[in-house]
Protein backbone atom coordinates (compact mmCIF):
# COMPACT_ATOMS: atom_id res chain seq x y z
CA MET A 1 -18.83 3.09 22.14
CA ASN A 2 -18.29 6.66 21.25
CA ARG A 3 -15.25 6.36 19.06
CA LYS A 4 -15.81 8.04 15.73
CA ILE A 5 -14.28 7.09 12.37
CA LEU A 6 -14.29 9.13 9.12
CA VAL A 7 -14.25 6.96 5.87
CA LEU A 8 -13.52 8.55 2.51
CA GLY A 9 -13.59 6.50 -0.62
CA GLY A 10 -15.62 3.92 -2.56
CA ALA A 11 -19.50 3.69 -2.09
CA HIS A 12 -21.12 2.41 -5.24
CA ILE A 13 -23.05 -0.71 -6.70
CA ASP A 14 -21.53 -4.12 -6.68
CA ARG A 15 -22.82 -6.61 -9.46
CA ARG A 16 -21.74 -10.16 -9.12
CA GLY A 17 -22.35 -13.13 -11.31
CA ARG A 18 -22.13 -16.55 -9.68
CA ILE A 19 -21.21 -19.59 -11.91
CA PHE A 20 -23.00 -22.76 -11.14
CA GLY A 21 -20.58 -25.29 -12.56
CA GLU A 22 -16.94 -25.58 -13.45
CA THR A 23 -15.88 -22.30 -15.09
CA ALA A 24 -15.62 -22.42 -18.82
CA PRO A 25 -13.44 -19.48 -20.13
CA GLY A 26 -14.57 -18.01 -23.40
CA ALA A 27 -18.09 -19.58 -23.26
CA SER A 28 -21.46 -19.06 -21.72
CA ASN A 29 -21.60 -20.12 -18.13
CA PRO A 30 -24.80 -20.95 -16.50
CA GLY A 31 -25.32 -18.86 -13.24
CA THR A 32 -27.17 -16.39 -11.31
CA TRP A 33 -27.01 -12.52 -10.93
CA PHE A 34 -26.86 -10.46 -7.73
CA GLU A 35 -26.20 -6.89 -6.75
CA GLU A 36 -25.93 -4.79 -3.75
CA PRO A 37 -24.30 -1.52 -2.56
CA GLY A 38 -20.53 -1.94 -1.98
CA GLY A 39 -17.16 -0.30 -2.38
CA GLY A 40 -14.00 -0.79 -0.19
CA GLY A 41 -14.63 2.15 2.00
CA PHE A 42 -18.31 1.71 2.24
CA ASN A 43 -17.94 -2.14 3.17
CA ALA A 44 -15.52 -1.21 5.94
CA ALA A 45 -17.77 1.62 7.23
CA ARG A 46 -20.77 -0.70 7.38
CA ASN A 47 -18.65 -3.31 9.34
CA LEU A 48 -17.43 -0.66 11.63
CA ALA A 49 -20.96 0.73 12.32
CA ARG A 50 -22.12 -2.84 13.12
CA LEU A 51 -19.23 -3.07 15.62
CA GLY A 52 -20.51 -0.10 17.50
CA PHE A 53 -18.57 2.86 16.03
CA GLN A 54 -19.88 6.22 15.00
CA VAL A 55 -19.03 6.37 11.27
CA THR A 56 -19.20 9.14 8.67
CA MET A 57 -18.77 8.34 5.07
CA ILE A 58 -17.73 10.86 2.45
CA SER A 59 -17.82 9.72 -1.28
CA PRO A 60 -18.82 11.08 -4.69
CA ARG A 61 -22.14 9.72 -6.07
CA GLY A 62 -24.19 10.10 -9.12
CA GLY A 63 -27.63 11.64 -9.24
CA ASP A 64 -29.35 8.43 -10.34
CA ALA A 65 -31.23 5.54 -8.96
CA ILE A 66 -28.21 3.59 -8.03
CA GLY A 67 -26.97 6.55 -5.88
CA GLU A 68 -30.28 6.55 -3.99
CA VAL A 69 -29.88 2.84 -3.24
CA VAL A 70 -26.41 3.43 -1.91
CA GLY A 71 -27.71 6.35 0.28
CA GLU A 72 -30.58 4.02 1.58
CA ALA A 73 -28.03 1.43 2.54
CA ALA A 74 -25.80 3.99 4.47
CA ASP A 75 -28.87 5.09 6.33
CA PHE A 76 -29.99 1.56 7.13
CA ALA A 77 -26.45 0.76 8.44
CA GLY A 78 -26.58 3.85 10.78
CA ILE A 79 -23.81 5.74 8.89
CA ASP A 80 -23.65 9.54 8.72
CA ASP A 81 -23.76 9.75 4.96
CA ARG A 82 -22.23 12.85 3.38
CA PRO A 83 -21.79 12.28 -0.38
CA PHE A 84 -20.71 14.70 -3.13
CA VAL A 85 -23.61 14.43 -5.44
CA PHE A 86 -23.00 14.98 -9.21
CA LEU A 87 -26.56 15.10 -10.68
CA ASP A 88 -25.44 14.69 -14.26
CA ARG A 89 -23.41 11.66 -13.77
CA LYS A 90 -23.78 7.94 -12.92
CA THR A 91 -22.79 6.34 -9.65
CA PRO A 92 -19.73 4.12 -9.98
CA SER A 93 -20.04 0.28 -10.24
CA TYR A 94 -18.10 -3.00 -9.75
CA THR A 95 -19.02 -5.96 -11.69
CA ALA A 96 -17.38 -9.35 -10.81
CA ILE A 97 -17.76 -12.95 -11.99
CA ILE A 98 -17.43 -15.46 -9.06
CA GLU A 99 -16.59 -19.27 -9.34
CA LYS A 100 -18.78 -21.78 -7.74
CA ASP A 101 -16.31 -21.98 -4.89
CA GLY A 102 -16.59 -18.25 -4.07
CA ASN A 103 -13.45 -17.08 -5.69
CA LEU A 104 -13.12 -14.21 -8.13
CA VAL A 105 -12.60 -14.93 -11.78
CA ILE A 106 -12.40 -11.47 -13.11
CA ALA A 107 -14.00 -8.04 -12.35
CA LEU A 108 -14.51 -4.65 -14.02
CA ALA A 109 -14.49 -1.49 -12.19
CA ASP A 110 -16.39 1.58 -13.77
CA MET A 111 -15.15 4.11 -11.30
CA ASP A 112 -14.57 7.28 -13.38
CA LEU A 113 -16.58 9.59 -11.04
CA TYR A 114 -14.08 9.06 -8.15
CA ARG A 115 -11.71 11.35 -10.06
CA PHE A 116 -13.94 14.29 -9.23
CA PHE A 117 -13.11 13.96 -5.65
CA VAL A 118 -10.21 16.55 -5.98
CA PRO A 119 -8.09 17.75 -3.02
CA ARG A 120 -9.91 21.14 -2.84
CA ARG A 121 -12.96 19.42 -1.69
CA LEU A 122 -11.17 18.82 1.65
CA SER A 123 -11.09 22.51 2.23
CA ILE A 124 -14.97 22.65 2.54
CA ARG A 125 -15.93 23.74 6.01
CA TRP A 126 -18.11 20.67 6.83
CA VAL A 127 -15.24 18.34 5.63
CA ARG A 128 -12.61 20.21 7.72
CA GLU A 129 -14.89 19.84 10.70
CA ALA A 130 -15.36 16.07 10.13
CA PHE A 131 -11.62 15.66 10.20
CA ALA A 132 -11.30 17.54 13.39
CA VAL A 133 -13.97 15.62 15.33
CA HIS A 134 -13.16 11.95 14.28
CA ASP A 135 -10.67 9.68 16.08
CA LEU A 136 -9.37 7.87 12.95
CA ILE A 137 -9.24 8.47 9.33
CA LEU A 138 -9.76 5.59 6.83
CA PHE A 139 -9.69 5.97 3.03
CA ASP A 140 -9.36 3.61 0.09
CA ALA A 141 -7.37 3.87 -3.23
CA ASN A 142 -10.40 4.47 -5.34
CA LEU A 143 -9.74 8.15 -4.91
CA PRO A 144 -6.99 10.08 -7.07
CA GLU A 145 -3.48 10.14 -5.95
CA GLU A 146 -3.35 13.75 -5.15
CA THR A 147 -6.40 13.48 -3.02
CA ILE A 148 -4.97 10.55 -1.11
CA ALA A 149 -1.80 12.53 -0.39
CA ALA A 150 -3.99 15.53 0.80
CA ILE A 151 -6.04 13.32 3.11
CA VAL A 152 -2.84 11.82 4.63
CA ALA A 153 -1.49 15.28 5.13
CA LYS A 154 -4.52 16.62 6.69
CA ALA A 155 -4.95 13.63 9.09
CA HIS A 156 -1.29 13.99 10.23
CA SER A 157 -1.73 17.90 10.63
CA LEU A 158 -4.46 17.10 13.11
CA ALA A 159 -2.50 14.17 14.83
CA LYS A 160 -5.20 11.71 13.60
CA PRO A 161 -4.03 8.12 12.77
CA VAL A 162 -4.76 7.34 9.14
CA ALA A 163 -5.57 3.86 7.48
CA ALA A 164 -5.72 2.80 3.91
CA ILE A 165 -7.38 -0.06 1.99
CA ALA A 166 -5.41 -0.90 -1.21
CA ILE A 167 -8.51 -1.82 -3.47
CA SER A 168 -6.51 -3.41 -6.37
CA PRO A 169 -3.04 -3.79 -7.86
CA ALA A 170 -3.78 -0.99 -10.41
CA LYS A 171 -4.93 1.56 -7.69
CA VAL A 172 -2.60 0.70 -4.83
CA VAL A 173 0.30 2.53 -6.64
CA ARG A 174 -1.53 5.73 -5.91
CA LEU A 175 -0.43 5.51 -2.36
CA LYS A 176 3.30 5.48 -3.12
CA PRO A 177 3.95 9.30 -2.69
CA CYS A 178 2.68 9.14 0.94
CA ILE A 179 3.33 5.43 1.82
CA GLY A 180 5.51 6.22 4.76
CA ASP A 181 2.92 8.37 6.42
CA ILE A 182 0.02 5.83 6.35
CA ASP A 183 -0.33 4.36 9.85
CA TYR A 184 -2.15 1.22 8.86
CA LEU A 185 -2.26 -0.37 5.29
CA PHE A 186 -4.43 -3.31 4.35
CA LEU A 187 -3.60 -5.18 1.04
CA ASN A 188 -3.53 -8.48 -0.48
CA GLU A 189 -0.39 -10.14 -1.95
CA ALA A 190 -1.04 -8.97 -5.54
CA GLU A 191 -1.39 -5.36 -4.35
CA ALA A 192 1.64 -5.63 -2.22
CA ALA A 193 3.60 -6.94 -5.19
CA ALA A 194 2.47 -3.98 -7.30
CA LEU A 195 3.84 -1.67 -4.57
CA ALA A 196 7.15 -3.53 -3.98
CA GLY A 197 7.84 -4.46 -7.51
CA GLU A 198 8.34 -8.10 -6.77
CA GLN A 199 6.76 -10.95 -4.91
CA PRO A 200 8.72 -13.10 -2.49
CA GLU A 201 8.45 -16.93 -2.61
CA ASP A 202 7.11 -17.12 1.10
CA ALA A 203 5.52 -15.07 3.96
CA ALA A 204 8.86 -14.29 5.54
CA GLY A 205 9.96 -12.40 2.38
CA TRP A 206 7.36 -9.70 2.85
CA PRO A 207 8.58 -7.81 5.88
CA PRO A 208 11.87 -6.78 4.42
CA LEU A 209 10.35 -5.74 1.07
CA LEU A 210 7.66 -3.59 2.86
CA ASN A 211 10.08 -1.94 5.19
CA GLU A 212 12.33 -1.15 2.22
CA ILE A 213 9.49 1.03 0.66
CA GLY A 214 8.72 2.77 3.89
CA ILE A 215 5.72 0.90 5.16
CA ARG A 216 5.52 0.78 8.95
CA ASN A 217 2.30 -1.15 9.86
CA ALA A 218 0.57 -3.38 7.33
CA VAL A 219 -1.51 -6.51 6.86
CA VAL A 220 -0.93 -8.52 3.68
CA THR A 221 -3.53 -11.19 3.06
CA ARG A 222 -2.64 -14.31 1.03
CA GLY A 223 -5.94 -16.08 0.25
CA ARG A 224 -6.22 -19.22 2.30
CA ARG A 225 -2.45 -19.14 3.14
CA GLU A 226 -1.10 -17.38 6.17
CA LEU A 227 -1.31 -13.62 6.23
CA VAL A 228 1.55 -11.42 7.32
CA ALA A 229 1.27 -8.43 9.61
CA LEU A 230 4.09 -5.90 9.80
CA CYS A 231 4.04 -4.11 13.24
CA GLU A 232 6.65 -1.33 13.63
CA GLY A 233 9.64 -3.45 12.69
CA ARG A 234 8.22 -6.80 14.06
CA ALA A 235 6.49 -9.18 11.87
CA VAL A 236 3.92 -12.05 12.50
CA THR A 237 2.04 -14.55 10.59
CA LEU A 238 -1.48 -15.85 11.01
CA GLN A 239 -3.11 -18.90 9.42
CA PRO A 240 -6.78 -17.91 8.65
CA PRO A 241 -9.24 -20.58 9.82
CA ILE A 242 -10.96 -22.55 7.01
CA ALA A 243 -14.57 -21.53 6.77
CA ASP A 244 -17.08 -24.27 6.68
CA THR A 245 -18.68 -22.69 3.67
CA VAL A 246 -17.30 -20.03 1.39
CA ALA A 247 -20.43 -18.16 -0.10
CA ASP A 248 -18.57 -15.13 -1.60
CA VAL A 249 -15.10 -13.69 -1.03
CA THR A 250 -16.16 -10.14 -1.95
CA GLY A 251 -15.67 -7.79 0.97
CA ALA A 252 -13.41 -10.12 2.91
CA GLY A 253 -10.47 -7.73 2.82
CA ASP A 254 -12.67 -4.66 3.73
CA SER A 255 -14.05 -6.56 6.76
CA LEU A 256 -10.58 -7.64 7.77
CA ALA A 257 -9.52 -3.94 7.82
CA ALA A 258 -12.62 -2.90 9.74
CA GLY A 259 -12.23 -5.71 12.37
CA THR A 260 -8.47 -4.93 12.84
CA LEU A 261 -9.14 -1.26 13.18
CA ALA A 262 -11.86 -1.87 15.71
CA ALA A 263 -9.45 -3.81 17.92
CA LEU A 264 -6.76 -1.13 17.45
CA MET A 265 -9.25 1.50 18.50
CA ALA A 266 -9.89 -0.60 21.63
CA GLY A 267 -6.15 -0.37 22.42
CA LEU A 268 -4.87 -3.78 21.24
CA PRO A 269 -1.54 -3.98 19.39
CA LEU A 270 -1.65 -4.77 15.68
CA GLU A 271 -0.31 -8.31 16.15
CA GLU A 272 -3.42 -9.18 18.26
CA ALA A 273 -5.86 -6.85 16.43
CA VAL A 274 -5.31 -8.75 13.22
CA ARG A 275 -6.88 -11.83 14.90
CA HIS A 276 -10.09 -9.73 15.19
CA GLY A 277 -9.83 -8.74 11.58
CA THR A 278 -9.32 -12.34 10.55
CA ALA A 279 -12.55 -13.32 12.51
CA ALA A 280 -14.53 -10.68 10.73
CA ALA A 281 -13.23 -11.74 7.25
CA THR A 282 -14.18 -15.39 8.17
CA LEU A 283 -17.67 -14.33 8.81
CA THR A 284 -17.99 -12.32 5.71
CA VAL A 285 -16.96 -15.08 3.32
CA GLN A 286 -19.76 -17.22 4.92
CA SER A 287 -22.18 -14.70 3.62
CA ARG A 288 -23.46 -13.98 0.14
CA HIS A 289 -23.17 -10.25 0.98
CA ALA A 290 -20.03 -8.13 1.09
CA VAL A 291 -20.96 -7.36 4.79
CA ASN A 292 -22.19 -10.07 6.94
CA GLU A 293 -25.79 -9.01 7.97
CA ASN A 294 -25.47 -10.75 11.25
CA LEU A 295 -22.34 -9.02 12.37
CA THR A 296 -22.28 -7.95 15.99
CA PRO A 297 -19.48 -7.46 18.66
CA ASP A 298 -20.75 -10.75 20.21
CA LEU A 299 -20.67 -12.78 17.04
CA LEU A 300 -17.20 -11.45 16.22
CA ASN A 301 -15.93 -12.49 19.78
CA ALA A 302 -17.38 -15.90 19.14
CA ALA A 303 -15.72 -16.32 15.79
CA LEU A 304 -12.35 -15.06 17.40
CA ALA A 305 -12.25 -18.36 19.55
CA LEU A 306 -11.57 -20.26 16.12
CA VAL A 307 -8.78 -17.86 14.99
CA PRO A 308 -5.29 -19.23 16.00
CA LYS A 309 -2.53 -17.30 17.66
CA VAL A 310 -0.05 -15.35 15.64
CA ARG A 311 3.43 -16.69 14.91
CA ILE A 312 6.43 -14.34 15.13
CA LEU A 313 8.56 -14.28 12.23
CA HIS A 314 12.37 -14.36 12.98
């Protein structure tokens, strides 16, 4: 596969603490500590590389040992790594506490470095060349609002499709100024509520709300409940299969975005492509890593057999 994807966004260190027993708020909880390279954009980039795409990653990085670890992970994944390195600053980090069932309790994002990815960096010659030669532009909301708007504008000036990963309720609002120009948006229900200003009672309430704020194509995940995919005015729902084991939910949304985009690049419509994304997410939550280290196109196709057909919302 020779299709090329340019990813701009988060590439940092993920630190995750896993609680052994029942969670006791406000108290010391026995558990274990684990860390690995992560970030919404970086997780998606590694998934896409495993699925056979040529991937270039552009992200700010500190001149520290953690930055070197992230760079080594990019090289191992076969990604063309193009960081902006700030030698006097630290690489961003994401620290999360996970319950014994794999679900998130709370997380802290130390992402100050990303504010230095300003729009004028897009005018650097090699960045302009990267936009020109790639088939799809993917970014995440770790970046500043004005940079996001500049990325979307540059992609559309080159007639390149552009996709976005929402990251968090606090960051997804950075997409608002250019929301109608994003071709594919991936977000969870809390992030969608932050954009829309309200949360409907059921899946059927999401399409009109998303349409009202100008979103054309989007996938809204809802944990273990059926997700909603909005496809140019049509809407479908899909019940994710229940994984036999849930090791860690970290990276599930990023892998869903990657699997869906891979299928879109292969020519499938969004309502079918989201099944591929769901299969990728199911494989991810069964791994303790944010990117399933065994992911291949063949493994994804095998997992796809367990994903039900979509249901059209009337």
